[in-house]
Amino acid sequence: MANKIVSYIRDRLKSFVYAYNGMRTLIKEERNAQIYVVMAIIAISLSYLLHISTMEWIVVCSVIGFVFAMEAANTAVENLADFACKKQIDPTIKKVKDLSAASVLFAAIVALLVGCIIFIPKLFSL
């Protein structure tokens, strides 16, 4: 029984290592993810400086996480698509990649709108 528990914990820890490696790869290799890091730092800094509410913090953190999650999924889809078609332009693969990229764009637009809704009134009241 103890061996099963130790094995289970070891496997869970390995999955966190794989996820961390993916996060590191995303930020290191993807230019858009690097831009999102800068934008996230700006949003978090503004949140701190403008003393936003707990609920606003939850929303800001959620949209930041959502954008990164969508970028990671988009990057995975693009890498798989490029591998599958050996970087040949295929109409179906192009469509899949475009749709995947659109998911990131939707997330980024929502994050921008959330930022405007939360920060603009606070900045105007200074």
N, C-alpha and C. Protein backbone atom coordinates (compact mmCIF):
# COMPACT_ATOMS: atom_id res chain seq x y z
N MET A 1 0.82 -1.20 0.00
CA MET A 1 0.00 0.00 0.00
C MET A 1 0.86 1.26 0.00
N ALA A 2 1.91 1.26 0.86
CA ALA A 2 2.79 2.42 0.95
C ALA A 2 3.51 2.67 -0.37
N ASN A 3 3.91 1.58 -1.06
CA ASN A 3 4.58 1.73 -2.34
C ASN A 3 3.67 2.38 -3.38
N LYS A 4 2.37 2.02 -3.34
CA LYS A 4 1.41 2.62 -4.28
C LYS A 4 1.26 4.10 -4.03
N ILE A 5 1.23 4.50 -2.77
CA ILE A 5 1.10 5.91 -2.42
C ILE A 5 2.33 6.67 -2.87
N VAL A 6 3.51 6.12 -2.59
CA VAL A 6 4.77 6.77 -2.99
C VAL A 6 4.82 6.88 -4.52
N SER A 7 4.43 5.82 -5.21
CA SER A 7 4.43 5.84 -6.68
C SER A 7 3.45 6.88 -7.21
N TYR A 8 2.28 6.96 -6.60
CA TYR A 8 1.28 7.94 -7.01
C TYR A 8 1.82 9.36 -6.84
N ILE A 9 2.42 9.63 -5.69
CA ILE A 9 2.97 10.96 -5.42
C ILE A 9 4.10 11.28 -6.40
N ARG A 10 4.97 10.30 -6.64
CA ARG A 10 6.07 10.50 -7.58
C ARG A 10 5.55 10.83 -8.98
N ASP A 11 4.52 10.11 -9.41
CA ASP A 11 3.92 10.37 -10.74
C ASP A 11 3.30 11.76 -10.80
N ARG A 12 2.65 12.19 -9.72
CA ARG A 12 2.05 13.53 -9.70
C ARG A 12 3.15 14.59 -9.77
N LEU A 13 4.23 14.39 -9.05
CA LEU A 13 5.33 15.34 -9.08
C LEU A 13 5.95 15.42 -10.47
N LYS A 14 6.07 14.27 -11.14
CA LYS A 14 6.60 14.26 -12.51
C LYS A 14 5.69 15.07 -13.43
N SER A 15 4.37 14.97 -13.25
CA SER A 15 3.46 15.70 -14.11
C SER A 15 3.62 17.21 -13.91
N PHE A 16 3.92 17.64 -12.67
CA PHE A 16 4.19 19.06 -12.45
C PHE A 16 5.48 19.49 -13.12
N VAL A 17 6.48 18.63 -13.12
CA VAL A 17 7.74 18.93 -13.80
C VAL A 17 7.50 19.08 -15.29
N TYR A 18 6.70 18.18 -15.89
CA TYR A 18 6.39 18.29 -17.31
C TYR A 18 5.65 19.59 -17.61
N ALA A 19 4.71 19.94 -16.76
CA ALA A 19 3.95 21.18 -16.95
C ALA A 19 4.86 22.40 -16.82
N TYR A 20 5.75 22.38 -15.84
CA TYR A 20 6.70 23.48 -15.67
C TYR A 20 7.59 23.60 -16.90
N ASN A 21 8.06 22.47 -17.42
CA ASN A 21 8.88 22.50 -18.64
C ASN A 21 8.11 23.11 -19.80
N GLY A 22 6.83 22.79 -19.90
CA GLY A 22 6.00 23.38 -20.94
C GLY A 22 5.85 24.88 -20.78
N MET A 23 5.63 25.34 -19.55
CA MET A 23 5.52 26.78 -19.30
C MET A 23 6.83 27.48 -19.67
N ARG A 24 7.93 26.89 -19.26
CA ARG A 24 9.24 27.48 -19.55
C ARG A 24 9.48 27.54 -21.07
N THR A 25 9.15 26.47 -21.77
CA THR A 25 9.31 26.43 -23.22
C THR A 25 8.43 27.49 -23.88
N LEU A 26 7.18 27.60 -23.43
CA LEU A 26 6.26 28.57 -24.00
C LEU A 26 6.82 29.98 -23.89
N ILE A 27 7.27 30.34 -22.70
CA ILE A 27 7.76 31.71 -22.49
C ILE A 27 9.10 31.94 -23.17
N LYS A 28 9.92 30.92 -23.24
CA LYS A 28 11.25 31.06 -23.85
C LYS A 28 11.17 31.14 -25.37
N GLU A 29 10.25 30.37 -25.98
CA GLU A 29 10.26 30.22 -27.44
C GLU A 29 9.17 31.00 -28.18
N GLU A 30 8.12 31.39 -27.50
CA GLU A 30 7.00 32.03 -28.19
C GLU A 30 6.98 33.53 -27.93
N ARG A 31 7.16 34.30 -29.00
CA ARG A 31 7.22 35.76 -28.89
C ARG A 31 5.92 36.32 -28.28
N ASN A 32 4.77 35.80 -28.71
CA ASN A 32 3.51 36.30 -28.16
C ASN A 32 3.42 36.04 -26.66
N ALA A 33 3.89 34.89 -26.21
CA ALA A 33 3.87 34.60 -24.78
C ALA A 33 4.76 35.58 -24.02
N GLN A 34 5.87 35.99 -24.63
CA GLN A 34 6.74 36.97 -24.00
C GLN A 34 6.04 38.32 -23.88
N ILE A 35 5.27 38.67 -24.90
CA ILE A 35 4.48 39.91 -24.85
C ILE A 35 3.43 39.79 -23.75
N TYR A 36 2.80 38.62 -23.63
CA TYR A 36 1.79 38.42 -22.59
C TYR A 36 2.41 38.51 -21.20
N VAL A 37 3.64 38.07 -21.05
CA VAL A 37 4.32 38.20 -19.75
C VAL A 37 4.46 39.68 -19.38
N VAL A 38 4.89 40.49 -20.34
CA VAL A 38 5.03 41.93 -20.09
C VAL A 38 3.67 42.54 -19.74
N MET A 39 2.64 42.18 -20.51
CA MET A 39 1.31 42.71 -20.26
C MET A 39 0.79 42.25 -18.89
N ALA A 40 1.07 41.01 -18.53
CA ALA A 40 0.64 40.50 -17.22
C ALA A 40 1.33 41.27 -16.09
N ILE A 41 2.61 41.54 -16.26
CA ILE A 41 3.35 42.31 -15.25
C ILE A 41 2.75 43.70 -15.11
N ILE A 42 2.42 44.33 -16.23
CA ILE A 42 1.80 45.65 -16.20
C ILE A 42 0.45 45.58 -15.49
N ALA A 43 -0.36 44.58 -15.84
CA ALA A 43 -1.69 44.44 -15.23
C ALA A 43 -1.58 44.19 -13.73
N ILE A 44 -0.67 43.34 -13.32
CA ILE A 44 -0.50 43.05 -11.90
C ILE A 44 0.02 44.28 -11.16
N SER A 45 0.95 45.00 -11.78
CA SER A 45 1.48 46.23 -11.16
C SER A 45 0.37 47.27 -11.00
N LEU A 46 -0.43 47.46 -12.05
CA LEU A 46 -1.55 48.41 -11.96
C LEU A 46 -2.54 47.97 -10.88
N SER A 47 -2.80 46.68 -10.83
CA SER A 47 -3.73 46.15 -9.83
C SER A 47 -3.25 46.49 -8.42
N TYR A 48 -1.97 46.31 -8.21
CA TYR A 48 -1.40 46.61 -6.90
C TYR A 48 -1.43 48.11 -6.61
N LEU A 49 -1.00 48.91 -7.57
CA LEU A 49 -0.93 50.36 -7.37
C LEU A 49 -2.30 51.00 -7.22
N LEU A 50 -3.30 50.46 -7.90
CA LEU A 50 -4.64 51.05 -7.85
C LEU A 50 -5.52 50.41 -6.77
N HIS A 51 -4.96 49.49 -6.01
CA HIS A 51 -5.67 48.86 -4.89
C HIS A 51 -7.03 48.32 -5.32
N ILE A 52 -7.01 47.45 -6.32
CA ILE A 52 -8.26 46.89 -6.80
C ILE A 52 -8.84 45.93 -5.76
N SER A 53 -10.13 45.68 -5.88
CA SER A 53 -10.82 44.82 -4.91
C SER A 53 -10.41 43.35 -5.10
N THR A 54 -10.79 42.54 -4.13
CA THR A 54 -10.51 41.11 -4.20
C THR A 54 -11.16 40.49 -5.44
N MET A 55 -12.40 40.85 -5.71
CA MET A 55 -13.10 40.31 -6.88
C MET A 55 -12.40 40.76 -8.17
N GLU A 56 -11.94 41.99 -8.22
CA GLU A 56 -11.20 42.46 -9.40
C GLU A 56 -9.89 41.70 -9.56
N TRP A 57 -9.21 41.41 -8.45
CA TRP A 57 -7.99 40.61 -8.50
C TRP A 57 -8.28 39.23 -9.09
N ILE A 58 -9.38 38.64 -8.64
CA ILE A 58 -9.76 37.31 -9.15
C ILE A 58 -9.97 37.36 -10.65
N VAL A 59 -10.66 38.39 -11.12
CA VAL A 59 -10.94 38.50 -12.56
C VAL A 59 -9.65 38.76 -13.34
N VAL A 60 -8.81 39.65 -12.86
CA VAL A 60 -7.54 39.96 -13.54
C VAL A 60 -6.67 38.71 -13.62
N CYS A 61 -6.52 38.01 -12.50
CA CYS A 61 -5.71 36.79 -12.51
C CYS A 61 -6.31 35.72 -13.41
N SER A 62 -7.63 35.62 -13.42
CA SER A 62 -8.29 34.63 -14.27
C SER A 62 -8.06 34.89 -15.75
N VAL A 63 -8.21 36.15 -16.18
CA VAL A 63 -8.02 36.42 -17.61
C VAL A 63 -6.55 36.28 -18.00
N ILE A 64 -5.64 36.62 -17.10
CA ILE A 64 -4.21 36.41 -17.39
C ILE A 64 -3.95 34.91 -17.59
N GLY A 65 -4.45 34.10 -16.67
CA GLY A 65 -4.28 32.65 -16.79
C GLY A 65 -4.94 32.10 -18.04
N PHE A 66 -6.10 32.63 -18.38
CA PHE A 66 -6.83 32.18 -19.56
C PHE A 66 -6.04 32.47 -20.84
N VAL A 67 -5.46 33.65 -20.93
CA VAL A 67 -4.66 34.00 -22.11
C VAL A 67 -3.46 33.06 -22.24
N PHE A 68 -2.76 32.82 -21.14
CA PHE A 68 -1.60 31.91 -21.19
C PHE A 68 -2.02 30.49 -21.53
N ALA A 69 -3.15 30.05 -20.98
CA ALA A 69 -3.63 28.70 -21.28
C ALA A 69 -3.97 28.57 -22.77
N MET A 70 -4.62 29.58 -23.32
CA MET A 70 -4.98 29.55 -24.73
C MET A 70 -3.73 29.60 -25.62
N GLU A 71 -2.75 30.40 -25.21
CA GLU A 71 -1.51 30.47 -25.98
C GLU A 71 -0.77 29.14 -25.94
N ALA A 72 -0.76 28.47 -24.80
CA ALA A 72 -0.11 27.16 -24.70
C ALA A 72 -0.83 26.15 -25.58
N ALA A 73 -2.16 26.14 -25.54
CA ALA A 73 -2.93 25.21 -26.37
C ALA A 73 -2.71 25.51 -27.85
N ASN A 74 -2.71 26.78 -28.21
CA ASN A 74 -2.49 27.17 -29.60
C ASN A 74 -1.10 26.73 -30.07
N THR A 75 -0.10 26.93 -29.24
CA THR A 75 1.26 26.54 -29.60
C THR A 75 1.35 25.03 -29.78
N ALA A 76 0.68 24.29 -28.91
CA ALA A 76 0.68 22.82 -29.04
C ALA A 76 0.02 22.39 -30.34
N VAL A 77 -1.12 22.99 -30.67
CA VAL A 77 -1.82 22.66 -31.91
C VAL A 77 -0.94 23.00 -33.12
N GLU A 78 -0.32 24.17 -33.10
CA GLU A 78 0.54 24.57 -34.22
C GLU A 78 1.72 23.61 -34.39
N ASN A 79 2.34 23.23 -33.28
CA ASN A 79 3.48 22.30 -33.37
C ASN A 79 3.04 20.95 -33.91
N LEU A 80 1.92 20.44 -33.42
CA LEU A 80 1.41 19.17 -33.93
C LEU A 80 1.04 19.26 -35.40
N ALA A 81 0.40 20.37 -35.78
CA ALA A 81 0.00 20.54 -37.18
C ALA A 81 1.22 20.62 -38.09
N ASP A 82 2.21 21.38 -37.68
CA ASP A 82 3.44 21.49 -38.49
C ASP A 82 4.13 20.13 -38.61
N PHE A 83 4.15 19.39 -37.53
CA PHE A 83 4.75 18.06 -37.56
C PHE A 83 3.97 17.13 -38.48
N ALA A 84 2.65 17.17 -38.38
CA ALA A 84 1.80 16.26 -39.16
C ALA A 84 1.91 16.51 -40.65
N CYS A 85 2.04 17.76 -41.05
CA CYS A 85 2.07 18.06 -42.49
C CYS A 85 3.47 18.42 -42.96
N LYS A 86 4.45 18.23 -42.08
CA LYS A 86 5.86 18.51 -42.41
C LYS A 86 6.02 19.93 -42.98
N LYS A 87 5.29 20.85 -42.37
CA LYS A 87 5.30 22.28 -42.71
C LYS A 87 4.86 22.57 -44.14
N GLN A 88 4.21 21.61 -44.78
CA GLN A 88 3.60 21.84 -46.09
C GLN A 88 2.28 22.56 -45.86
N ILE A 89 1.92 23.47 -46.75
CA ILE A 89 0.66 24.19 -46.59
C ILE A 89 -0.48 23.30 -47.07
N ASP A 90 -1.32 22.92 -46.13
CA ASP A 90 -2.50 22.11 -46.40
C ASP A 90 -3.71 22.93 -45.96
N PRO A 91 -4.75 23.02 -46.78
CA PRO A 91 -5.90 23.87 -46.43
C PRO A 91 -6.56 23.48 -45.10
N THR A 92 -6.64 22.21 -44.81
CA THR A 92 -7.26 21.78 -43.56
C THR A 92 -6.39 22.15 -42.37
N ILE A 93 -5.09 21.92 -42.48
CA ILE A 93 -4.16 22.27 -41.41
C ILE A 93 -4.16 23.78 -41.19
N LYS A 94 -4.19 24.55 -42.28
CA LYS A 94 -4.24 26.02 -42.17
C LYS A 94 -5.49 26.45 -41.41
N LYS A 95 -6.61 25.82 -41.73
CA LYS A 95 -7.86 26.15 -41.06
C LYS A 95 -7.77 25.85 -39.56
N VAL A 96 -7.23 24.69 -39.22
CA VAL A 96 -7.07 24.31 -37.81
C VAL A 96 -6.17 25.31 -37.09
N LYS A 97 -5.06 25.67 -37.72
CA LYS A 97 -4.14 26.62 -37.09
C LYS A 97 -4.77 27.99 -36.94
N ASP A 98 -5.53 28.43 -37.94
CA ASP A 98 -6.21 29.73 -37.86
C ASP A 98 -7.25 29.74 -36.74
N LEU A 99 -8.01 28.65 -36.62
CA LEU A 99 -9.01 28.57 -35.56
C LEU A 99 -8.35 28.54 -34.19
N SER A 100 -7.25 27.84 -34.08
CA SER A 100 -6.52 27.79 -32.82
C SER A 100 -5.98 29.17 -32.45
N ALA A 101 -5.45 29.88 -33.43
CA ALA A 101 -4.96 31.24 -33.19
C ALA A 101 -6.11 32.17 -32.80
N ALA A 102 -7.28 31.94 -33.38
CA ALA A 102 -8.45 32.77 -33.04
C ALA A 102 -8.81 32.61 -31.57
N SER A 103 -8.63 31.42 -31.02
CA SER A 103 -8.96 31.22 -29.60
C SER A 103 -8.09 32.11 -28.71
N VAL A 104 -6.84 32.28 -29.07
CA VAL A 104 -5.95 33.16 -28.31
C VAL A 104 -6.39 34.61 -28.48
N LEU A 105 -6.75 34.96 -29.70
CA LEU A 105 -7.20 36.34 -29.95
C LEU A 105 -8.44 36.66 -29.13
N PHE A 106 -9.41 35.74 -29.09
CA PHE A 106 -10.61 35.95 -28.27
C PHE A 106 -10.23 36.17 -26.81
N ALA A 107 -9.34 35.34 -26.29
CA ALA A 107 -8.91 35.47 -24.89
C ALA A 107 -8.22 36.80 -24.66
N ALA A 108 -7.37 37.22 -25.59
CA ALA A 108 -6.66 38.49 -25.43
C ALA A 108 -7.62 39.67 -25.49
N ILE A 109 -8.62 39.60 -26.36
CA ILE A 109 -9.61 40.68 -26.45
C ILE A 109 -10.39 40.77 -25.14
N VAL A 110 -10.81 39.63 -24.61
CA VAL A 110 -11.54 39.63 -23.33
C VAL A 110 -10.65 40.20 -22.22
N ALA A 111 -9.38 39.81 -22.20
CA ALA A 111 -8.46 40.33 -21.18
C ALA A 111 -8.31 41.84 -21.32
N LEU A 112 -8.22 42.34 -22.54
CA LEU A 112 -8.12 43.78 -22.77
C LEU A 112 -9.38 44.50 -22.28
N LEU A 113 -10.54 43.93 -22.60
CA LEU A 113 -11.80 44.54 -22.15
C LEU A 113 -11.89 44.56 -20.63
N VAL A 114 -11.52 43.46 -20.01
CA VAL A 114 -11.52 43.40 -18.54
C VAL A 114 -10.59 44.46 -17.98
N GLY A 115 -9.40 44.57 -18.56
CA GLY A 115 -8.46 45.59 -18.11
C GLY A 115 -9.03 46.99 -18.23
N CYS A 116 -9.66 47.27 -19.36
CA CYS A 116 -10.27 48.60 -19.56
C CYS A 116 -11.38 48.85 -18.54
N ILE A 117 -12.23 47.87 -18.33
CA ILE A 117 -13.35 48.02 -17.39
C ILE A 117 -12.86 48.26 -15.97
N ILE A 118 -11.80 47.57 -15.59
CA ILE A 118 -11.30 47.70 -14.21
C ILE A 118 -10.40 48.92 -14.04
N PHE A 119 -9.48 49.15 -14.98
CA PHE A 119 -8.45 50.16 -14.75
C PHE A 119 -8.81 51.57 -15.19
N ILE A 120 -9.53 51.72 -16.29
CA ILE A 120 -9.81 53.07 -16.80
C ILE A 120 -10.55 53.93 -15.77
N PRO A 121 -11.64 53.46 -15.16
CA PRO A 121 -12.31 54.30 -14.17
C PRO A 121 -11.39 54.68 -12.99
N LYS A 122 -10.56 53.72 -12.57
CA LYS A 122 -9.66 54.00 -11.45
C LYS A 122 -8.59 55.02 -11.85
N LEU A 123 -8.10 54.93 -13.08
CA LEU A 123 -7.09 55.89 -13.54
C LEU A 123 -7.69 57.29 -13.70
N PHE A 124 -8.94 57.38 -14.16
CA PHE A 124 -9.59 58.68 -14.32
C PHE A 124 -9.92 59.32 -12.98
N SER A 125 -10.08 58.49 -11.94
CA SER A 125 -10.42 59.05 -10.63
C SER A 125 -9.20 59.53 -9.85
N LEU A 126 -8.02 59.34 -10.40
CA LEU A 126 -6.79 59.79 -9.69
C LEU A 126 -6.66 61.30 -9.70
